[in-house]
N, C-alpha and C. Protein backbone atom coordinates (compact mmCIF):
# COMPACT_ATOMS: atom_id res chain seq x y z
N MET A 1 119.54 107.42 142.52
CA MET A 1 120.28 106.94 143.68
C MET A 1 120.68 105.39 143.63
N LYS A 2 119.28 104.75 143.43
CA LYS A 2 119.65 103.46 143.52
C LYS A 2 120.28 102.76 141.99
N SER A 3 120.24 103.59 141.05
CA SER A 3 120.80 103.29 139.71
C SER A 3 122.14 103.28 139.74
N LYS A 4 122.73 104.57 140.85
CA LYS A 4 123.73 104.84 140.81
C LYS A 4 124.81 103.79 141.60
N TYR A 5 124.15 103.05 142.59
CA TYR A 5 124.47 101.83 143.23
C TYR A 5 124.96 100.69 142.66
N PHE A 6 124.03 100.57 141.60
CA PHE A 6 123.88 99.67 140.62
C PHE A 6 125.27 99.72 139.71
N LEU A 7 125.23 100.75 139.21
CA LEU A 7 126.70 101.25 138.26
C LEU A 7 127.87 101.08 138.84
N PHE A 8 127.87 101.76 140.30
CA PHE A 8 129.08 101.36 141.13
C PHE A 8 129.37 99.79 141.02
N PHE A 9 128.32 98.93 141.35
CA PHE A 9 128.50 97.56 141.81
C PHE A 9 129.49 96.89 140.29
N ILE A 10 128.67 97.59 138.94
CA ILE A 10 129.18 96.96 137.87
C ILE A 10 130.28 97.19 137.55
N ILE A 11 130.84 98.62 137.87
CA ILE A 11 132.09 99.04 137.79
C ILE A 11 133.33 98.21 138.63
N ALA A 12 132.78 97.95 139.74
CA ALA A 12 133.66 97.32 140.77
C ALA A 12 133.90 95.99 140.19
N ILE A 13 133.21 95.16 139.36
CA ILE A 13 133.42 94.05 139.01
C ILE A 13 134.37 93.74 137.72
N PHE A 14 134.40 95.15 137.13
CA PHE A 14 135.16 95.30 135.82
C PHE A 14 136.78 95.74 136.48
N ALA A 15 136.76 96.51 137.76
CA ALA A 15 137.83 96.61 138.28
C ALA A 15 138.75 95.32 138.99
N VAL A 16 138.33 94.50 139.06
CA VAL A 16 138.52 93.33 139.94
C VAL A 16 140.11 92.96 139.34
N THR A 17 140.89 93.18 140.41
CA THR A 17 142.65 92.43 140.03
C THR A 17 142.50 91.14 139.84
N ASN A 18 144.00 90.98 139.37
CA ASN A 18 144.27 89.35 139.46
C ASN A 18 145.18 88.92 140.62
N SER A 19 144.25 89.29 141.67
CA SER A 19 144.80 88.56 143.03
C SER A 19 144.44 87.08 143.07
N GLN A 20 145.56 86.46 143.81
CA GLN A 20 145.36 85.32 143.83
C GLN A 20 143.99 84.87 144.87
N ALA A 21 143.34 83.71 144.48
CA ALA A 21 142.19 83.35 145.30
C ALA A 21 142.83 83.26 147.08
N GLN A 22 141.66 83.75 148.03
CA GLN A 22 141.58 83.83 148.80
C GLN A 22 140.74 82.50 149.83
N ILE A 23 140.11 82.50 148.99
CA ILE A 23 138.77 81.69 149.58
C ILE A 23 139.10 80.28 148.63
N LYS A 24 139.60 79.31 149.26
CA LYS A 24 140.17 78.28 148.63
C LYS A 24 139.00 76.90 148.34
N LYS A 25 139.02 76.30 147.33
CA LYS A 25 137.91 75.34 147.29
C LYS A 25 138.29 74.18 148.47
N GLY A 26 137.24 74.01 149.28
CA GLY A 26 136.95 73.07 150.48
C GLY A 26 136.95 73.85 151.39
N SER A 27 137.41 74.72 151.46
CA SER A 27 137.32 75.99 152.81
C SER A 27 135.86 76.20 153.26
N LEU A 28 135.32 76.03 154.21
CA LEU A 28 134.21 76.03 155.43
C LEU A 28 133.90 77.52 155.68
N LEU A 29 132.87 78.08 155.71
CA LEU A 29 132.14 79.39 156.14
C LEU A 29 130.91 79.38 157.11
N PHE A 30 131.13 79.97 158.30
CA PHE A 30 130.08 79.84 159.00
C PHE A 30 130.08 81.51 159.64
N GLY A 31 128.76 81.56 160.03
CA GLY A 31 128.63 82.88 160.66
C GLY A 31 127.02 83.40 160.33
N GLY A 32 126.86 84.89 160.32
CA GLY A 32 125.41 85.09 160.30
C GLY A 32 125.84 86.67 160.03
N SER A 33 124.07 87.30 159.80
CA SER A 33 124.01 88.86 159.64
C SER A 33 122.98 89.08 160.35
N LEU A 34 123.00 90.43 160.60
CA LEU A 34 121.88 91.58 160.69
C LEU A 34 121.23 92.22 159.99
N SER A 35 120.05 92.15 159.66
CA SER A 35 119.45 92.93 158.39
C SER A 35 118.41 94.02 158.71
N TYR A 36 118.07 94.98 158.03
CA TYR A 36 116.96 96.15 158.27
C TYR A 36 116.45 95.91 156.63
N GLY A 37 114.73 95.95 156.74
CA GLY A 37 114.06 96.40 155.35
C GLY A 37 112.90 96.85 155.76
N SER A 38 112.39 97.61 154.40
CA SER A 38 111.10 98.22 154.23
C SER A 38 110.77 98.42 153.41
N GLN A 39 108.85 97.89 153.12
CA GLN A 39 108.11 97.67 152.11
C GLN A 39 107.15 98.02 152.24
N LYS A 40 106.19 98.30 151.11
CA LYS A 40 104.57 98.32 151.07
C LYS A 40 104.22 96.90 150.86
N SER A 41 103.24 96.49 151.69
CA SER A 41 102.78 95.40 151.40
C SER A 41 101.11 95.24 151.59
N GLN A 42 100.75 94.48 150.64
CA GLN A 42 99.31 94.46 150.39
C GLN A 42 98.14 93.07 151.26
N ILE A 43 97.95 93.73 152.30
CA ILE A 43 97.59 92.37 153.14
C ILE A 43 96.46 91.95 152.80
N SER A 44 95.36 92.91 151.94
CA SER A 44 94.24 92.38 151.94
C SER A 44 93.75 92.99 150.70
N SER A 45 92.62 92.77 150.24
CA SER A 45 92.13 93.23 148.85
C SER A 45 91.68 95.08 149.10
N PHE A 46 91.84 95.38 150.58
CA PHE A 46 91.67 97.09 150.73
C PHE A 46 92.48 97.54 151.56
N ALA A 47 93.49 96.74 152.34
CA ALA A 47 94.47 97.59 152.98
C ALA A 47 95.74 97.14 152.65
N GLU A 48 96.52 98.10 152.60
CA GLU A 48 97.91 98.30 152.61
C GLU A 48 98.63 98.96 153.52
N VAL A 49 100.14 98.08 154.05
CA VAL A 49 100.51 98.55 155.21
C VAL A 49 102.13 98.57 154.60
N LYS A 50 102.49 100.07 155.52
CA LYS A 50 103.88 99.73 155.56
C LYS A 50 104.53 98.82 156.35
N LEU A 51 105.67 98.09 155.79
CA LEU A 51 106.14 96.70 156.53
C LEU A 51 107.78 97.14 156.77
N LYS A 52 108.02 97.13 158.06
CA LYS A 52 109.60 97.31 158.28
C LYS A 52 109.83 95.82 159.28
N THR A 53 111.17 95.56 158.78
CA THR A 53 111.54 94.11 158.88
C THR A 53 113.30 94.48 159.56
N VAL A 54 113.14 93.66 160.97
CA VAL A 54 114.63 93.56 161.16
C VAL A 54 114.69 91.98 161.41
N GLY A 55 116.04 91.53 161.42
CA GLY A 55 116.16 89.91 161.13
C GLY A 55 117.50 89.64 161.44
N ILE A 56 117.52 88.19 161.75
CA ILE A 56 118.99 87.60 161.86
C ILE A 56 118.76 86.22 161.01
N ALA A 57 120.21 86.18 160.50
CA ALA A 57 120.13 84.93 159.64
C ALA A 57 121.58 84.59 159.70
N PRO A 58 121.45 83.06 160.55
CA PRO A 58 122.68 81.98 160.39
C PRO A 58 122.59 81.65 159.50
N ALA A 59 123.95 81.17 158.62
CA ALA A 59 124.57 80.89 157.69
C ALA A 59 125.75 79.99 157.72
N PHE A 60 126.11 78.44 156.77
CA PHE A 60 126.82 77.82 156.67
C PHE A 60 126.93 77.74 155.17
N GLY A 61 128.47 77.67 154.56
CA GLY A 61 128.83 77.67 153.34
C GLY A 61 129.72 76.48 153.08
N TRP A 62 130.17 76.21 152.17
CA TRP A 62 131.33 75.08 151.72
C TRP A 62 131.98 75.71 150.33
N ALA A 63 133.41 76.29 150.30
CA ALA A 63 133.87 76.57 148.77
C ALA A 63 133.88 75.55 147.77
N VAL A 64 132.98 75.02 146.40
CA VAL A 64 133.01 73.84 145.80
C VAL A 64 133.92 74.37 144.86
N ARG A 65 134.48 75.72 144.92
CA ARG A 65 135.70 75.97 143.88
C ARG A 65 136.14 77.12 144.28
N ASP A 66 137.64 77.58 143.91
CA ASP A 66 138.04 78.72 144.65
C ASP A 66 136.95 79.82 144.42
N ASN A 67 136.93 80.59 145.45
CA ASN A 67 135.84 81.90 145.61
C ASN A 67 134.65 81.52 144.86
N LEU A 68 134.04 80.29 145.15
CA LEU A 68 132.55 79.74 144.54
C LEU A 68 132.03 78.96 145.79
N VAL A 69 131.24 79.92 146.73
CA VAL A 69 130.78 79.18 147.79
C VAL A 69 129.16 78.76 147.70
N PHE A 70 128.96 77.49 148.18
CA PHE A 70 127.34 76.79 148.17
C PHE A 70 127.15 76.92 149.85
N GLY A 71 126.17 77.23 149.95
CA GLY A 71 125.45 77.20 151.53
C GLY A 71 124.03 77.14 151.64
N LEU A 72 123.63 76.91 152.91
CA LEU A 72 122.35 77.23 153.73
C LEU A 72 122.12 78.28 154.63
N ASP A 73 121.11 78.75 154.68
CA ASP A 73 120.70 79.71 155.75
C ASP A 73 119.29 79.75 156.26
N LEU A 74 119.21 80.16 157.45
CA LEU A 74 118.39 80.20 158.43
C LEU A 74 117.80 81.75 158.45
N GLU A 75 116.30 82.01 158.47
CA GLU A 75 116.05 83.41 159.03
C GLU A 75 115.04 83.71 159.63
N TYR A 76 115.33 84.44 160.65
CA TYR A 76 113.79 84.86 161.54
C TYR A 76 113.68 86.56 161.44
N LEU A 77 112.68 86.79 161.26
CA LEU A 77 112.54 88.50 161.05
C LEU A 77 111.37 89.03 161.98
N SER A 78 111.29 89.79 162.60
CA SER A 78 110.49 90.95 163.56
C SER A 78 109.76 91.52 162.50
N LEU A 79 108.58 91.61 162.27
CA LEU A 79 107.86 92.98 161.50
C LEU A 79 107.24 93.72 162.13
N ASP A 80 107.19 94.72 161.97
CA ASP A 80 106.58 95.64 162.28
C ASP A 80 105.61 96.87 161.23
N THR A 81 104.30 96.87 161.54
CA THR A 81 103.59 97.56 160.44
C THR A 81 103.22 98.86 161.06
N ASP A 82 102.79 99.64 159.85
CA ASP A 82 102.07 101.19 160.60
C ASP A 82 100.71 101.06 160.85
N ALA A 83 100.18 99.56 160.76
CA ALA A 83 98.43 99.89 161.36
C ALA A 83 99.02 99.82 163.17
N SER A 84 97.63 100.32 163.61
CA SER A 84 97.84 100.58 164.99
C SER A 84 97.31 99.18 165.80
N ASN A 85 97.45 99.21 166.95
CA ASN A 85 97.16 98.20 167.98
C ASN A 85 97.90 96.85 167.19
N SER A 86 99.18 96.87 166.47
CA SER A 86 99.64 95.75 166.08
C SER A 86 100.48 94.64 166.79
N PRO A 87 100.05 93.46 167.01
CA PRO A 87 100.65 92.53 167.84
C PRO A 87 102.45 92.37 167.31
N GLU A 88 103.16 91.68 168.27
CA GLU A 88 104.27 91.08 167.63
C GLU A 88 103.88 90.27 166.34
N ASN A 89 104.56 90.66 165.02
CA ASN A 89 104.29 89.89 164.16
C ASN A 89 105.79 89.52 163.91
N SER A 90 105.87 88.35 162.89
CA SER A 90 107.26 87.56 162.58
C SER A 90 107.29 86.73 161.62
N ALA A 91 108.37 86.57 160.78
CA ALA A 91 108.51 85.74 159.50
C ALA A 91 109.90 84.54 159.74
N LYS A 92 109.41 83.46 159.10
CA LYS A 92 110.77 82.55 159.46
C LYS A 92 110.66 81.73 158.27
N GLY A 93 112.29 81.54 157.96
CA GLY A 93 112.72 80.96 156.56
C GLY A 93 113.72 80.38 156.53
N ALA A 94 114.18 79.92 155.21
CA ALA A 94 115.33 78.93 154.98
C ALA A 94 115.63 79.42 153.29
N GLY A 95 116.97 78.91 152.98
CA GLY A 95 117.28 78.92 151.95
C GLY A 95 118.33 78.43 151.48
N VAL A 96 118.66 78.15 150.12
CA VAL A 96 120.19 77.84 149.90
C VAL A 96 120.70 78.91 148.81
N PHE A 97 122.01 79.18 149.01
CA PHE A 97 122.64 80.29 148.06
C PHE A 97 123.96 80.12 147.32
N LEU A 98 124.36 80.61 146.24
CA LEU A 98 125.87 80.36 145.72
C LEU A 98 126.14 81.81 145.65
N ARG A 99 127.52 81.78 146.25
CA ARG A 99 127.91 83.40 146.29
C ARG A 99 129.30 83.23 145.31
N LYS A 100 129.61 83.78 144.32
CA LYS A 100 130.86 84.12 143.99
C LYS A 100 131.60 85.63 144.32
N TYR A 101 132.78 85.19 144.57
CA TYR A 101 133.71 86.33 145.24
C TYR A 101 134.70 86.33 144.48
N TRP A 102 134.98 87.97 144.03
CA TRP A 102 136.14 88.61 142.88
C TRP A 102 136.85 89.23 143.98
N PRO A 103 138.35 89.32 144.35
CA PRO A 103 139.12 89.85 145.16
C PRO A 103 139.30 91.36 144.50
N LEU A 104 139.45 92.38 145.41
CA LEU A 104 139.76 93.23 145.21
C LEU A 104 140.91 93.71 146.18
N GLY A 105 142.25 93.19 145.66
CA GLY A 105 143.15 93.59 146.35
C GLY A 105 143.42 92.45 147.25
N ASN A 106 144.53 92.67 148.39
CA ASN A 106 144.36 91.45 149.70
C ASN A 106 143.37 91.22 150.43
N ARG A 107 142.73 92.35 150.90
CA ARG A 107 141.66 91.98 151.71
C ARG A 107 140.24 92.33 151.16
N PHE A 108 139.92 93.08 150.20
CA PHE A 108 138.45 93.00 149.91
C PHE A 108 137.90 92.29 148.87
N TYR A 109 136.73 92.20 148.92
CA TYR A 109 136.11 91.30 148.09
C TYR A 109 134.70 91.83 147.27
N VAL A 110 134.48 91.68 146.34
CA VAL A 110 132.93 92.17 145.88
C VAL A 110 132.50 90.95 145.50
N PHE A 111 131.26 90.50 145.69
CA PHE A 111 130.50 89.41 145.57
C PHE A 111 129.26 89.14 144.97
N ALA A 112 128.69 88.45 144.45
CA ALA A 112 127.40 88.30 144.13
C ALA A 112 126.89 87.13 144.42
N GLU A 113 125.35 87.13 144.88
CA GLU A 113 124.91 85.91 145.44
C GLU A 113 123.49 85.79 144.76
N LEU A 114 123.57 84.50 144.45
CA LEU A 114 121.84 83.94 143.65
C LEU A 114 121.09 83.27 145.20
N ARG A 115 120.46 83.35 145.46
CA ARG A 115 119.81 82.73 146.64
C ARG A 115 118.33 82.43 146.37
N THR A 116 117.90 81.08 146.65
CA THR A 116 116.49 81.00 146.53
C THR A 116 116.03 80.11 147.98
N GLY A 117 114.89 80.84 148.40
CA GLY A 117 114.62 80.14 149.70
C GLY A 117 112.98 80.21 149.89
N VAL A 118 112.50 79.99 151.01
CA VAL A 118 111.03 79.79 151.13
C VAL A 118 110.84 80.87 152.59
N ARG A 119 109.65 81.26 152.67
CA ARG A 119 109.50 82.02 154.22
C ARG A 119 107.93 82.16 154.26
N TRP A 120 107.57 81.99 155.65
CA TRP A 120 106.17 81.96 156.42
C TRP A 120 106.16 83.12 157.15
N SER A 121 105.25 83.85 157.02
CA SER A 121 104.93 85.03 157.92
C SER A 121 103.61 85.25 158.19
N GLU A 122 103.16 86.02 159.28
CA GLU A 122 102.37 86.39 159.91
C GLU A 122 101.84 88.02 160.21
N VAL A 123 100.84 88.54 159.70
CA VAL A 123 100.74 90.08 160.08
C VAL A 123 99.62 90.58 160.18
N ALA A 124 99.25 90.82 161.33
CA ALA A 124 98.00 91.22 161.99
C ALA A 124 98.12 92.68 162.72
N GLY A 125 97.08 93.52 162.86
CA GLY A 125 96.95 94.54 163.09
C GLY A 125 95.11 95.23 162.78
N LEU A 126 95.23 96.22 163.36
CA LEU A 126 94.08 97.06 163.04
C LEU A 126 94.37 98.57 162.32
N THR A 127 93.39 98.42 160.96
CA THR A 127 94.25 99.40 159.92
C THR A 127 93.37 100.79 160.22
N VAL A 128 94.19 101.69 159.73
CA VAL A 128 93.22 103.15 160.20
C VAL A 128 93.51 103.71 158.72
N PRO A 129 92.26 104.40 157.98
CA PRO A 129 91.25 104.68 159.03
C PRO A 129 89.81 104.02 158.76
N SER A 130 90.28 103.00 158.20
CA SER A 130 88.98 101.85 158.05
C SER A 130 88.49 100.97 159.19
N LEU A 131 89.57 100.91 160.23
CA LEU A 131 89.18 100.17 161.55
C LEU A 131 88.73 98.91 161.40
N VAL A 132 89.66 98.22 160.07
CA VAL A 132 89.44 97.01 160.11
C VAL A 132 90.68 95.96 160.76
N ASN A 133 90.34 94.88 161.50
CA ASN A 133 91.14 94.43 161.98
C ASN A 133 91.55 92.84 161.06
N VAL A 134 92.62 93.16 160.54
CA VAL A 134 93.43 92.33 159.34
C VAL A 134 94.59 91.29 160.05
N LYS A 135 94.08 89.66 159.68
CA LYS A 135 95.07 89.01 160.03
C LYS A 135 95.33 88.33 158.98
N THR A 136 96.70 88.52 158.44
CA THR A 136 97.46 87.68 157.30
C THR A 136 98.24 86.74 157.58
N GLU A 137 98.46 85.37 156.83
CA GLU A 137 99.35 84.81 156.67
C GLU A 137 99.87 84.37 155.26
N GLU A 138 101.07 84.33 155.20
CA GLU A 138 101.59 84.39 153.74
C GLU A 138 103.05 83.13 153.49
N LEU A 139 102.91 82.45 152.65
CA LEU A 139 103.77 81.94 151.67
C LEU A 139 104.56 82.24 150.89
N ASN A 140 105.66 82.89 151.09
CA ASN A 140 106.50 83.12 150.14
C ASN A 140 107.72 82.12 149.59
N ILE A 141 107.58 82.05 148.26
CA ILE A 141 108.74 81.38 147.49
C ILE A 141 109.76 82.06 146.93
N ASN A 142 110.80 82.41 147.05
CA ASN A 142 111.40 83.36 146.16
C ASN A 142 113.11 83.23 145.54
N ALA A 143 113.40 83.97 144.54
CA ALA A 143 115.04 83.78 143.97
C ALA A 143 115.24 85.39 143.85
N THR A 144 116.50 85.37 144.66
CA THR A 144 117.39 86.77 144.40
C THR A 144 118.63 86.85 144.07
N LEU A 145 119.10 87.72 143.30
CA LEU A 145 120.20 88.02 143.08
C LEU A 145 120.77 89.19 143.76
N LYS A 146 121.77 89.14 144.83
CA LYS A 146 122.05 90.34 145.54
C LYS A 146 123.73 90.49 145.50
N PRO A 147 123.95 92.00 145.39
CA PRO A 147 125.66 92.08 145.50
C PRO A 147 125.73 92.49 146.91
N GLY A 148 127.38 92.29 146.91
CA GLY A 148 128.20 92.72 148.58
C GLY A 148 129.33 92.90 148.59
N PHE A 149 129.68 93.31 149.46
CA PHE A 149 131.14 93.92 149.69
C PHE A 149 131.63 92.61 151.09
N ALA A 150 132.88 92.43 150.71
CA ALA A 150 133.54 91.79 152.13
C ALA A 150 135.09 92.37 152.34
N PHE A 151 135.47 92.49 153.57
CA PHE A 151 136.59 92.69 154.23
C PHE A 151 137.29 91.77 155.27
N SER A 152 138.44 91.40 155.02
CA SER A 152 139.10 90.24 155.57
C SER A 152 139.90 90.71 156.89
N LEU A 153 139.46 90.68 157.96
CA LEU A 153 140.23 91.36 159.41
C LEU A 153 141.12 90.54 159.27
N ASN A 154 141.56 89.42 159.14
CA ASN A 154 142.71 88.35 159.08
C ASN A 154 142.11 86.97 158.12
N LYS A 155 142.94 86.16 158.37
CA LYS A 155 142.75 84.90 157.65
C LYS A 155 141.46 84.17 157.76
N LYS A 156 140.92 84.45 158.92
CA LYS A 156 139.76 83.75 159.32
C LYS A 156 138.23 84.24 159.84
N VAL A 157 138.62 85.68 159.52
CA VAL A 157 137.24 86.62 160.17
C VAL A 157 137.25 87.59 158.71
N GLN A 158 136.12 87.53 158.46
CA GLN A 158 135.60 88.73 157.44
C GLN A 158 134.20 89.35 157.58
N LEU A 159 133.97 91.07 157.48
CA LEU A 159 133.04 91.50 157.39
C LEU A 159 132.55 91.60 156.60
N GLU A 160 131.13 91.73 156.03
CA GLU A 160 130.30 92.04 154.86
C GLU A 160 129.39 92.86 154.90
N THR A 161 128.80 93.39 153.99
CA THR A 161 127.58 93.96 153.91
C THR A 161 126.83 93.52 152.64
N VAL A 162 125.69 93.52 152.49
CA VAL A 162 124.71 92.70 151.51
C VAL A 162 123.68 93.74 151.42
N LEU A 163 123.68 93.88 150.11
CA LEU A 163 123.25 95.50 149.55
C LEU A 163 121.60 94.94 149.04
N MET A 164 120.92 96.10 148.44
CA MET A 164 119.29 95.60 148.35
C MET A 164 119.47 94.49 146.93
N PRO A 165 118.57 93.59 146.73
CA PRO A 165 118.84 92.66 145.38
C PRO A 165 118.52 93.65 144.14
N LEU A 166 119.50 93.08 143.15
CA LEU A 166 119.41 93.69 141.70
C LEU A 166 118.33 93.19 141.36
N ILE A 167 117.59 92.01 141.72
CA ILE A 167 116.45 91.35 141.06
C ILE A 167 115.61 90.55 142.07
N THR A 168 114.59 90.28 142.21
CA THR A 168 113.84 89.17 143.08
C THR A 168 112.50 88.70 142.39
N ALA A 169 112.93 87.57 141.97
CA ALA A 169 111.48 86.70 141.63
C ALA A 169 110.61 86.15 143.10
N GLN A 170 109.40 86.31 142.87
CA GLN A 170 108.89 85.55 143.91
C GLN A 170 107.32 85.14 143.62
N TYR A 171 107.04 84.15 144.37
CA TYR A 171 105.44 83.33 144.37
C TYR A 171 104.83 83.65 145.73
N ARG A 172 103.82 84.34 145.60
CA ARG A 172 103.09 84.88 146.95
C ARG A 172 101.80 84.22 147.16
N LYS A 173 101.46 83.34 148.41
CA LYS A 173 100.12 82.90 148.54
C LYS A 173 99.61 83.44 149.86
N ILE A 174 98.57 84.35 149.98
CA ILE A 174 98.21 85.28 151.06
C ILE A 174 96.86 84.53 151.29
N GLU A 175 96.68 84.23 152.68
CA GLU A 175 95.57 84.15 153.12
C GLU A 175 95.23 85.15 154.25
N SER A 176 93.99 85.59 153.92
CA SER A 176 93.51 86.81 155.04
C SER A 176 92.15 86.80 155.63
N THR A 177 91.88 87.38 156.77
CA THR A 177 90.76 87.40 157.56
C THR A 177 90.52 88.77 157.85
N SER A 178 89.58 89.34 157.61
CA SER A 178 89.18 91.06 157.82
C SER A 178 88.00 90.94 158.79
N LYS A 179 88.00 91.57 159.94
CA LYS A 179 87.14 91.81 160.72
C LYS A 179 86.87 93.18 161.01
N SER A 180 85.68 93.56 160.77
CA SER A 180 85.38 95.25 160.82
C SER A 180 84.59 95.58 162.49
N TRP A 181 84.84 96.89 162.21
CA TRP A 181 84.32 97.46 163.71
C TRP A 181 82.52 96.70 164.32
N ASN A 182 81.89 96.84 162.81
CA ASN A 182 80.48 96.47 163.14
C ASN A 182 80.43 94.95 163.23
N GLY A 183 80.95 94.15 163.47
CA GLY A 183 80.99 93.11 163.35
C GLY A 183 81.10 92.05 162.12
N GLY A 184 81.27 92.56 160.89
CA GLY A 184 81.09 91.84 159.71
C GLY A 184 82.77 90.94 159.49
N SER A 185 82.65 90.04 158.87
CA SER A 185 83.98 89.11 159.03
C SER A 185 84.28 88.80 157.12
N THR A 186 85.43 89.04 156.72
CA THR A 186 85.56 88.37 155.23
C THR A 186 86.61 87.47 155.30
N THR A 187 86.82 86.47 154.46
CA THR A 187 88.08 86.12 154.29
C THR A 187 88.74 85.92 152.73
N GLY A 188 89.88 85.93 152.38
CA GLY A 188 90.16 86.18 151.08
C GLY A 188 91.66 85.12 150.99
N ASN A 189 91.92 84.94 149.63
CA ASN A 189 92.90 84.31 149.49
C ASN A 189 93.32 85.03 147.97
N LYS A 190 94.81 84.80 147.81
CA LYS A 190 95.70 85.70 147.09
C LYS A 190 97.12 84.94 146.68
N LYS A 191 96.85 84.65 145.30
CA LYS A 191 98.15 84.18 144.65
C LYS A 191 99.06 84.99 143.54
N GLY A 192 99.97 84.68 143.49
CA GLY A 192 100.60 85.63 142.51
C GLY A 192 102.27 85.60 142.07
N PHE A 193 102.84 85.81 141.23
CA PHE A 193 104.01 85.80 140.75
C PHE A 193 104.50 87.01 140.71
N ASP A 194 105.48 87.62 141.29
CA ASP A 194 105.93 89.12 140.29
C ASP A 194 107.68 89.01 140.53
N VAL A 195 108.04 89.91 139.88
CA VAL A 195 109.11 90.54 139.92
C VAL A 195 109.53 92.16 139.80
N ASN A 196 110.39 92.05 141.10
CA ASN A 196 111.21 93.28 141.30
C ASN A 196 112.59 93.51 140.97
N THR A 197 113.00 94.73 140.96
CA THR A 197 114.67 95.09 140.56
C THR A 197 114.77 96.00 141.92
N SER A 198 116.07 96.72 141.91
CA SER A 198 116.49 97.56 142.62
C SER A 198 115.78 98.78 142.53
N LEU A 199 115.21 99.24 141.45
CA LEU A 199 114.56 100.46 141.29
C LEU A 199 113.45 100.53 142.08
N SER A 200 112.86 99.46 142.59
CA SER A 200 111.62 99.79 143.02
C SER A 200 111.84 100.48 144.47
N ASN A 201 110.65 100.50 145.22
CA ASN A 201 110.23 101.43 146.47
C ASN A 201 110.94 100.43 147.63
N ASN A 202 111.32 99.12 147.47
CA ASN A 202 111.46 98.36 148.75
C ASN A 202 113.18 98.96 149.27
N THR A 203 113.19 98.70 150.47
CA THR A 203 114.55 98.94 150.69
C THR A 203 115.01 97.92 151.74
N SER A 204 116.52 97.45 151.65
CA SER A 204 117.17 96.51 152.30
C SER A 204 118.63 96.82 152.67
N PHE A 205 119.31 96.07 153.49
CA PHE A 205 120.62 96.23 153.84
C PHE A 205 120.90 95.34 155.12
N SER A 206 121.98 94.78 154.76
CA SER A 206 122.32 93.70 156.18
C SER A 206 123.71 93.78 156.46
N LEU A 207 124.32 93.71 157.40
CA LEU A 207 125.87 93.55 157.99
C LEU A 207 125.94 92.38 158.48
N GLY A 208 127.24 91.37 158.39
CA GLY A 208 127.35 90.15 158.85
C GLY A 208 129.04 89.96 158.88
N VAL A 209 129.01 88.70 159.65
CA VAL A 209 130.32 88.48 160.15
C VAL A 209 130.57 86.54 159.14
N ARG A 210 131.67 86.22 158.74
CA ARG A 210 131.94 84.86 158.50
C ARG A 210 133.39 84.68 158.79
N ILE A 211 133.40 83.64 159.32
CA ILE A 211 134.12 82.61 160.03
C ILE A 211 134.86 81.70 158.62
N LEU A 212 136.07 81.97 158.50
CA LEU A 212 136.57 81.27 157.67
C LEU A 212 137.90 80.26 158.08
N LEU A 213 137.15 78.63 157.47
CA LEU A 213 138.21 77.56 158.16
C LEU A 213 138.59 77.27 156.75
N GLU A 214 140.02 76.94 156.24
CA GLU A 214 140.34 76.66 155.32
C GLU A 214 140.73 75.14 155.34
N LYS A 215 140.84 74.40 154.39
CA LYS A 215 140.85 73.09 154.22
C LYS A 215 142.49 72.75 154.37
């Protein structure tokens, strides 16, 4: 399924028409998006949880060339795990992005977004069946390449959807504290770099609105 979506995006790129540029150099874009994602996360050396995220991300951009937008964004994520007795967990982050649009007729666009950012998160909960209380703090520095589609409702308002990243490269620094039911306690640190593709088991999707102010 994911390979088909990747193929569809590539075909869309080659199917781009010769429409005139609609996002002109000097234009400003601002708005935001709502996102959903799920993944498996190794929160300690012996505990893995399924992590679901719901987030909001305001963004601001400037068209440095026709149909090429450079911008900044912020993000806030609510994290939910399958660990029992899990409190409210959250993540906060910020990033910069470069987005290239290709018009598909008068109102539709396909785009590719290269983004790099940093995220801080905290996850805590009682894992089952080990009955170990784990608290994890993570620093994540990442770069992603994501495809998407946009539709212009009018000259100033666009609706968009961003699909799963085609590729993600990330550096993770994790600090965890584990307390077992018998009173024992351990701490651990983990650092690492990894690369994931859209063929991984992670899932993400977002819907957004952009307001376009032409120069």
